Protein backbone atom coordinates (compact mmCIF):
# COMPACT_ATOMS: atom_id res chain seq x y z
CA MET A 1 0.03 0.00 -0.01
CA SER A 2 1.32 3.42 -1.00
CA ASN A 3 0.69 6.41 1.13
CA SER A 4 1.27 10.13 0.74
CA SER A 5 4.81 9.92 2.10
CA SER A 6 5.94 7.57 -0.70
CA LEU A 7 4.15 9.40 -3.54
CA ASN A 8 6.48 11.97 -5.15
CA GLU A 9 4.35 13.18 -8.08
CA PHE A 10 1.07 12.93 -9.89
CA LEU A 11 0.45 12.59 -13.61
CA LEU A 12 -2.08 15.06 -15.05
CA LEU A 13 -4.38 14.44 -18.03
CA ALA A 14 -2.82 15.49 -21.36
CA PHE A 15 -4.97 17.45 -23.79
CA ALA A 16 -3.54 15.57 -26.80
CA ASP A 17 -1.39 12.62 -27.66
CA THR A 18 0.78 14.32 -30.31
CA TRP A 19 3.31 17.09 -29.91
CA GLN A 20 1.65 19.27 -32.59
CA LEU A 21 -1.72 19.18 -30.89
CA GLN A 22 -0.12 19.94 -27.54
CA LEU A 23 1.45 23.04 -29.11
CA TRP A 24 -2.05 24.10 -30.31
CA HIS A 25 -3.32 23.63 -26.74
CA PHE A 26 -0.42 25.75 -25.48
CA VAL A 27 -1.24 28.52 -27.98
CA LEU A 28 -5.01 28.38 -27.18
CA PHE A 29 -4.45 28.51 -23.43
CA LEU A 30 -1.89 31.24 -23.79
CA GLY A 31 -4.33 33.41 -25.69
CA ILE A 32 -7.07 32.80 -23.11
CA TYR A 33 -4.72 33.44 -20.22
CA LEU A 34 -3.39 36.70 -21.70
CA ALA A 35 -6.94 37.86 -22.36
CA ALA A 36 -7.86 37.17 -18.73
CA LEU A 37 -4.79 38.94 -17.45
CA LEU A 38 -5.42 41.94 -19.70
CA GLY A 39 -9.14 42.23 -18.94
CA ASN A 40 -8.83 41.84 -15.16
CA ARG A 41 -5.78 44.13 -15.02
CA LEU A 42 -7.59 46.82 -16.90
CA ILE A 43 -10.54 46.66 -14.56
CA ILE A 44 -8.21 46.83 -11.52
CA THR A 45 -6.37 49.82 -13.01
CA ALA A 46 -9.55 51.63 -13.99
CA ILE A 47 -11.17 51.24 -10.57
CA ALA A 48 -8.00 52.17 -8.71
CA CYS A 49 -7.32 55.27 -10.81
CA GLU A 50 -10.84 56.69 -11.40
CA HIS A 51 -12.30 58.47 -8.40
CA ARG A 52 -15.84 58.07 -9.68
CA LEU A 53 -15.46 54.33 -9.39
CA HIS A 54 -14.55 54.38 -5.70
CA THR A 55 -17.94 53.01 -4.64
CA PRO A 56 -18.88 49.80 -2.79
CA MET A 57 -19.97 48.03 -6.02
CA TYR A 58 -16.69 48.72 -7.81
CA PHE A 59 -14.68 47.94 -4.64
CA PHE A 60 -16.15 44.44 -4.66
CA LEU A 61 -15.60 44.22 -8.43
CA LEU A 62 -11.94 45.06 -7.85
CA ASN A 63 -11.72 42.17 -5.37
CA LEU A 64 -13.46 39.94 -7.90
CA SER A 65 -10.90 40.75 -10.59
CA ILE A 66 -8.05 40.00 -8.19
CA LEU A 67 -9.64 36.63 -7.36
CA ASP A 68 -10.11 35.88 -11.07
CA LEU A 69 -6.44 36.60 -11.72
CA GLY A 70 -5.46 34.21 -8.96
CA PHE A 71 -8.08 31.63 -10.02
CA ILE A 72 -6.90 31.29 -13.56
CA SER A 73 -3.20 31.60 -12.66
CA THR A 74 -3.47 28.57 -10.39
CA THR A 75 -4.28 26.09 -13.15
CA VAL A 76 -3.57 27.38 -16.65
CA PRO A 77 0.20 28.16 -16.50
CA LYS A 78 1.08 24.70 -15.27
CA SER A 79 -1.06 23.09 -17.98
CA MET A 80 0.62 25.32 -20.57
CA ALA A 81 4.08 24.41 -19.31
CA ASN A 82 3.28 20.66 -19.38
CA SER A 83 2.09 20.92 -22.99
CA LEU A 84 5.11 22.97 -24.02
CA TRP A 85 7.63 20.56 -22.44
CA ASN A 86 5.68 17.48 -23.36
CA THR A 87 5.22 16.20 -19.84
CA ARG A 88 2.33 15.31 -17.54
CA ALA A 89 4.03 15.43 -14.18
CA ILE A 90 3.27 17.67 -11.19
CA SER A 91 5.09 17.20 -7.87
CA TYR A 92 3.27 16.14 -4.76
CA SER A 93 3.90 19.51 -3.05
CA GLY A 94 2.96 21.33 -6.29
CA CYS A 95 -0.32 19.44 -6.45
CA ALA A 96 -1.06 20.31 -2.81
CA ALA A 97 -0.25 23.97 -3.45
CA GLN A 98 -2.45 24.01 -6.56
CA ILE A 99 -5.43 22.54 -4.68
CA PHE A 100 -4.86 24.95 -1.78
CA PHE A 101 -4.88 28.13 -3.90
CA PHE A 102 -7.61 26.84 -6.20
CA ILE A 103 -9.91 26.37 -3.25
CA ILE A 104 -8.98 29.76 -1.80
CA PHE A 105 -9.90 31.57 -4.98
CA ILE A 106 -13.04 29.62 -5.95
CA SER A 107 -14.47 29.72 -2.37
CA ALA A 108 -13.61 33.38 -1.82
CA GLU A 109 -15.08 34.26 -5.23
CA TYR A 110 -18.36 32.45 -4.39
CA SER A 111 -18.51 34.25 -1.05
CA LEU A 112 -17.77 37.59 -2.71
CA LEU A 113 -20.55 37.03 -5.27
CA THR A 114 -22.88 36.49 -2.36
CA VAL A 115 -21.76 39.74 -0.78
CA MET A 116 -22.27 41.51 -4.13
CA ALA A 117 -25.82 40.18 -4.27
CA TYR A 118 -26.42 41.75 -0.84
CA ASP A 119 -24.95 45.01 -2.06
CA ARG A 120 -27.36 45.06 -5.03
CA TYR A 121 -30.24 44.24 -2.65
CA VAL A 122 -29.44 47.15 -0.34
CA ALA A 123 -28.97 49.54 -3.29
CA ILE A 124 -32.35 48.75 -4.86
CA CYS A 125 -34.56 47.62 -1.95
CA ARG A 126 -33.18 49.89 0.80
CA PRO A 127 -31.62 52.87 -1.01
CA LEU A 128 -32.09 55.28 1.88
CA HIS A 129 -29.97 53.08 4.17
CA TYR A 130 -27.28 52.29 1.57
CA ARG A 131 -24.66 54.70 2.78
CA THR A 132 -25.15 53.43 6.37
CA LEU A 133 -25.20 49.68 5.63
CA MET A 134 -22.43 49.80 3.02
CA ASP A 135 -20.00 52.30 4.45
CA SER A 136 -16.23 51.86 4.14
CA LYS A 137 -15.83 49.71 7.28
CA ALA A 138 -18.65 47.44 6.23
CA CYS A 139 -17.12 47.01 2.78
CA VAL A 140 -13.75 46.10 4.23
CA LYS A 141 -15.31 43.59 6.69
CA LYS A 142 -17.38 41.90 4.00
CA ALA A 143 -14.47 41.59 1.56
CA ALA A 144 -12.16 40.32 4.36
CA ALA A 145 -14.85 37.77 5.34
CA ALA A 146 -14.97 36.50 1.75
CA TRP A 147 -11.18 36.09 1.61
CA ALA A 148 -11.15 34.51 5.09
CA SER A 149 -13.78 31.94 4.13
CA GLY A 150 -11.71 30.98 1.13
CA PHE A 151 -8.63 30.48 3.27
CA LEU A 152 -10.47 28.37 5.90
CA CYS A 153 -12.00 26.16 3.21
CA ALA A 154 -8.58 25.71 1.60
CA VAL A 155 -6.96 24.71 4.88
CA LEU A 156 -9.77 22.33 5.73
CA HIS A 157 -9.91 20.56 2.34
CA THR A 158 -6.21 20.50 1.53
CA GLY A 159 -5.29 19.20 4.97
CA ASN A 160 -7.89 16.47 4.85
CA THR A 161 -7.16 15.48 1.25
CA PHE A 162 -3.44 15.05 1.68
CA SER A 163 -3.73 13.23 5.01
CA ILE A 164 -5.35 10.22 3.34
CA GLN A 165 -3.51 7.22 1.98
CA PHE A 166 -3.18 6.60 -1.78
CA CYS A 167 -3.15 3.11 -3.22
CA GLN A 168 -4.64 3.53 -6.65
CA GLY A 169 -1.65 4.90 -8.49
CA ASN A 170 -0.82 8.50 -9.30
CA VAL A 171 -2.73 9.21 -12.57
CA LEU A 172 -5.32 12.02 -12.51
CA ASP A 173 -8.03 12.26 -15.16
CA GLN A 174 -7.86 16.09 -15.14
CA PHE A 175 -5.49 18.80 -16.40
CA PHE A 176 -5.03 20.18 -12.88
CA CYS A 177 -5.11 18.72 -9.38
CA GLU A 178 -8.76 18.44 -8.34
CA ILE A 179 -10.06 16.95 -5.08
CA PRO A 180 -12.54 14.45 -6.65
CA GLN A 181 -9.75 13.12 -8.87
CA ILE A 182 -7.38 12.87 -5.91
CA LEU A 183 -10.00 10.94 -3.89
CA LYS A 184 -10.20 8.37 -6.71
CA LEU A 185 -6.63 7.37 -5.85
CA SER A 186 -7.32 6.91 -2.17
CA CYS A 187 -7.74 3.68 -0.33
CA ALA A 188 -11.35 2.63 0.35
CA ASP A 189 -11.21 3.30 4.07
CA SER A 190 -9.16 6.48 4.18
CA TYR A 191 -11.26 9.20 2.56
CA LEU A 192 -14.21 9.46 4.91
CA ARG A 193 -12.76 12.50 6.66
CA GLU A 194 -12.54 14.42 3.38
CA VAL A 195 -16.06 13.28 2.44
CA GLY A 196 -17.24 14.93 5.66
CA ALA A 197 -15.41 18.11 4.71
CA LEU A 198 -16.99 18.00 1.26
CA VAL A 199 -20.47 17.69 2.81
CA PHE A 200 -19.68 20.77 4.93
CA GLY A 201 -18.50 22.62 1.85
CA ALA A 202 -21.60 21.60 -0.08
CA CYS A 203 -23.81 22.93 2.72
CA PHE A 204 -21.88 26.22 2.66
CA PHE A 205 -22.25 26.58 -1.05
CA PHE A 206 -25.95 25.68 -1.06
CA GLY A 207 -26.50 28.20 1.73
CA CYS A 208 -24.88 30.92 -0.31
CA LEU A 209 -26.93 29.86 -3.34
CA VAL A 210 -30.23 30.08 -1.38
CA PHE A 211 -29.23 33.51 -0.09
CA ILE A 212 -28.46 34.70 -3.59
CA VAL A 213 -31.74 33.33 -4.98
CA LEU A 214 -33.89 34.87 -2.22
CA THR A 215 -32.01 38.18 -2.60
CA TYR A 216 -32.80 38.36 -6.28
CA VAL A 217 -36.40 37.41 -5.77
CA GLN A 218 -36.80 40.45 -3.45
CA ILE A 219 -34.81 42.59 -5.92
CA PHE A 220 -37.10 41.62 -8.85
CA ILE A 221 -40.23 42.23 -6.79
CA ALA A 222 -38.95 45.73 -5.85
CA VAL A 223 -37.93 46.53 -9.45
CA LEU A 224 -41.32 45.51 -10.83
CA ARG A 225 -42.94 47.96 -8.39
CA ILE A 226 -40.99 50.91 -9.83
CA PRO A 227 -43.56 52.99 -11.73
CA SER A 228 -41.31 54.46 -14.48
CA GLU A 229 -39.91 52.24 -17.27
CA GLN A 230 -36.63 54.17 -17.14
CA GLY A 231 -36.27 53.39 -13.43
CA ARG A 232 -36.92 49.70 -13.98
CA HIS A 233 -34.38 49.64 -16.81
CA LYS A 234 -31.73 51.33 -14.66
CA ALA A 235 -32.36 48.90 -11.81
CA PHE A 236 -32.17 45.90 -14.08
CA SER A 237 -28.88 47.24 -15.61
CA MET A 238 -27.43 47.33 -12.09
CA CYS A 239 -28.17 43.66 -11.50
CA LEU A 240 -27.71 41.93 -14.89
CA PRO A 241 -23.86 41.85 -14.96
CA HIS A 242 -23.74 40.30 -11.50
CA LEU A 243 -26.53 37.92 -12.30
CA ALA A 244 -24.76 36.84 -15.46
CA VAL A 245 -21.50 36.26 -13.63
CA VAL A 246 -23.25 34.27 -10.85
CA SER A 247 -25.12 32.14 -13.34
CA LEU A 248 -21.95 31.32 -15.34
CA PHE A 249 -20.01 30.53 -12.21
CA ILE A 250 -22.65 28.44 -10.44
CA CYS A 251 -23.94 26.53 -13.48
CA THR A 252 -20.52 25.39 -14.65
CA SER A 253 -19.13 24.50 -11.18
CA PHE A 254 -22.29 22.77 -10.02
CA PHE A 255 -22.48 20.68 -13.22
CA ALA A 256 -18.81 19.73 -12.73
CA TYR A 257 -19.35 18.38 -9.24
CA LEU A 258 -23.03 17.30 -9.28
CA LYS A 259 -23.45 15.67 -12.63
CA PRO A 260 -24.69 12.02 -12.55
CA PRO A 261 -21.91 9.41 -12.49
CA HIS A 262 -23.05 7.80 -15.78
CA PHE A 263 -22.41 11.14 -17.52
CA SER A 264 -18.81 11.11 -16.38
CA SER A 265 -15.99 10.50 -18.91
CA PRO A 266 -12.42 11.87 -19.16
CA THR A 267 -13.35 14.05 -22.20
CA LEU A 268 -16.55 15.45 -20.62
CA ASP A 269 -14.80 16.09 -17.29
CA LEU A 270 -12.05 17.94 -19.14
CA VAL A 271 -14.52 20.16 -21.07
CA VAL A 272 -16.53 20.92 -17.91
CA ALA A 273 -13.33 21.77 -15.98
CA VAL A 274 -12.33 24.24 -18.66
CA LEU A 275 -15.82 25.76 -18.55
CA TYR A 276 -15.73 26.50 -14.80
CA ALA A 277 -11.96 26.99 -14.20
CA VAL A 278 -10.93 28.90 -17.32
CA VAL A 279 -13.96 30.55 -18.89
CA PRO A 280 -15.43 32.62 -16.01
CA PRO A 281 -12.24 34.53 -15.11
CA THR A 282 -11.90 35.39 -18.81
CA LEU A 283 -15.52 36.45 -19.42
CA ASN A 284 -16.16 38.28 -16.15
CA PRO A 285 -14.31 41.44 -17.26
CA ILE A 286 -16.14 41.46 -20.59
CA ILE A 287 -19.56 41.05 -18.87
CA TYR A 288 -19.00 43.92 -16.45
CA SER A 289 -17.32 46.28 -18.93
CA MET A 290 -20.20 45.85 -21.40
CA ARG A 291 -22.94 46.72 -18.91
CA LYS A 292 -21.35 49.34 -16.73
CA LYS A 293 -21.22 52.71 -18.44
CA GLU A 294 -18.88 54.38 -15.93
CA LEU A 295 -16.42 51.49 -16.19
CA LYS A 296 -16.75 51.39 -19.97
CA ASP A 297 -16.03 55.13 -20.22
CA THR A 298 -12.99 54.81 -17.94
CA LEU A 299 -11.61 51.87 -19.87
CA ARG A 300 -12.06 53.78 -23.17
CA LYS A 301 -10.23 56.77 -21.68
CA LEU A 302 -7.34 54.51 -20.56
CA LEU A 303 -7.08 52.71 -23.88
CA SER A 304 -7.37 55.89 -25.96
CA LYS A 305 -4.19 57.39 -24.54
CA GLU A 306 -1.26 57.05 -26.92
CA ASP A 307 1.31 56.63 -24.19
CA LEU A 308 -0.49 54.79 -21.44
CA PRO A 309 1.67 55.18 -18.30
CA TYR A 310 2.44 52.15 -16.24
CA VAL A 311 0.29 52.23 -13.19
CA GLN A 312 1.55 50.80 -9.95
CA VAL A 313 -1.68 49.19 -8.92
CA GLU A 314 0.02 47.67 -5.90
CA ASN A 315 0.32 51.17 -4.46
CA PHE A 316 -3.49 51.38 -4.25
CA THR A 317 -4.10 49.19 -1.25
CA LEU A 318 -7.61 47.88 -0.59
CA LEU A 319 -7.77 49.87 2.68
CA ARG A 320 -6.96 53.14 0.98
CA MET A 321 -9.33 52.28 -1.81
CA CYS A 322 -12.17 51.60 0.57
CA SER A 323 -11.54 54.71 2.62
CA GLU A 324 -12.81 56.71 -0.41
CA VAL A 325 -15.90 54.57 -0.86
CA SER A 326 -18.94 56.73 -0.74
């Protein structure tokens, strides 16, 4: 019986069997990765530099873009490197680190989307109390809680997953380290602790989903009561980008983990993993920039400059950013 101490590496799923197709995979993922980096970096720069965007909604959007950068950077670069160097291997410690950061970003993003739903609820259903309920301290606390929930989930799942014994080899049917694929390699009697953690995680995610659904039910009821058509259109425009991002994120991730076992196959699992781990971080900047006029105008202003100066985004700390939230 092999355990975690004697396992030095895992073998990830290759996208293709030939070197030429692996190069095409590298080029495709490189284009997607650069698009995600550019889109999210532009949003971070625009929000940090434009005083008009220093509001709670854009503060949370800035956090979402940071999470998306970390989310896609956890899986895609390693996959590209493996295709370029014609290898499938990832070290044991590298796999543990990949799972740890993947869970941090995906859990924190889900928590942040829940917070953003509450922000939209307060803005539409309780506008007179918006400045009180969503002041700078409240924004910082809610964003910090989202990041902290991701960290706690990552510690819980990573610790439980890599404390089990492995006796089914080291081949993973996925292009990155994923907990369900890791559990397939475990011994029959050693994964119950992680199953318990997965049940806890599922309850957490379903709780957030119920909160988001109930929030939007109340939002839609309030919007339909607005007498003017222009007011209803403005209210829907405030919610549609967030609703689109939530739908994309939840539908792809839930299908990945809750699809019936008889639907499972290496090819389908690979496609679904790309849909929930690669597509959302790339499309989120496009969805928000298309529907938010202030953000669109700021991005157009930045891109229209002939000599766009390099902006040290790191100098704009989240605390300083939130201190200017109105």
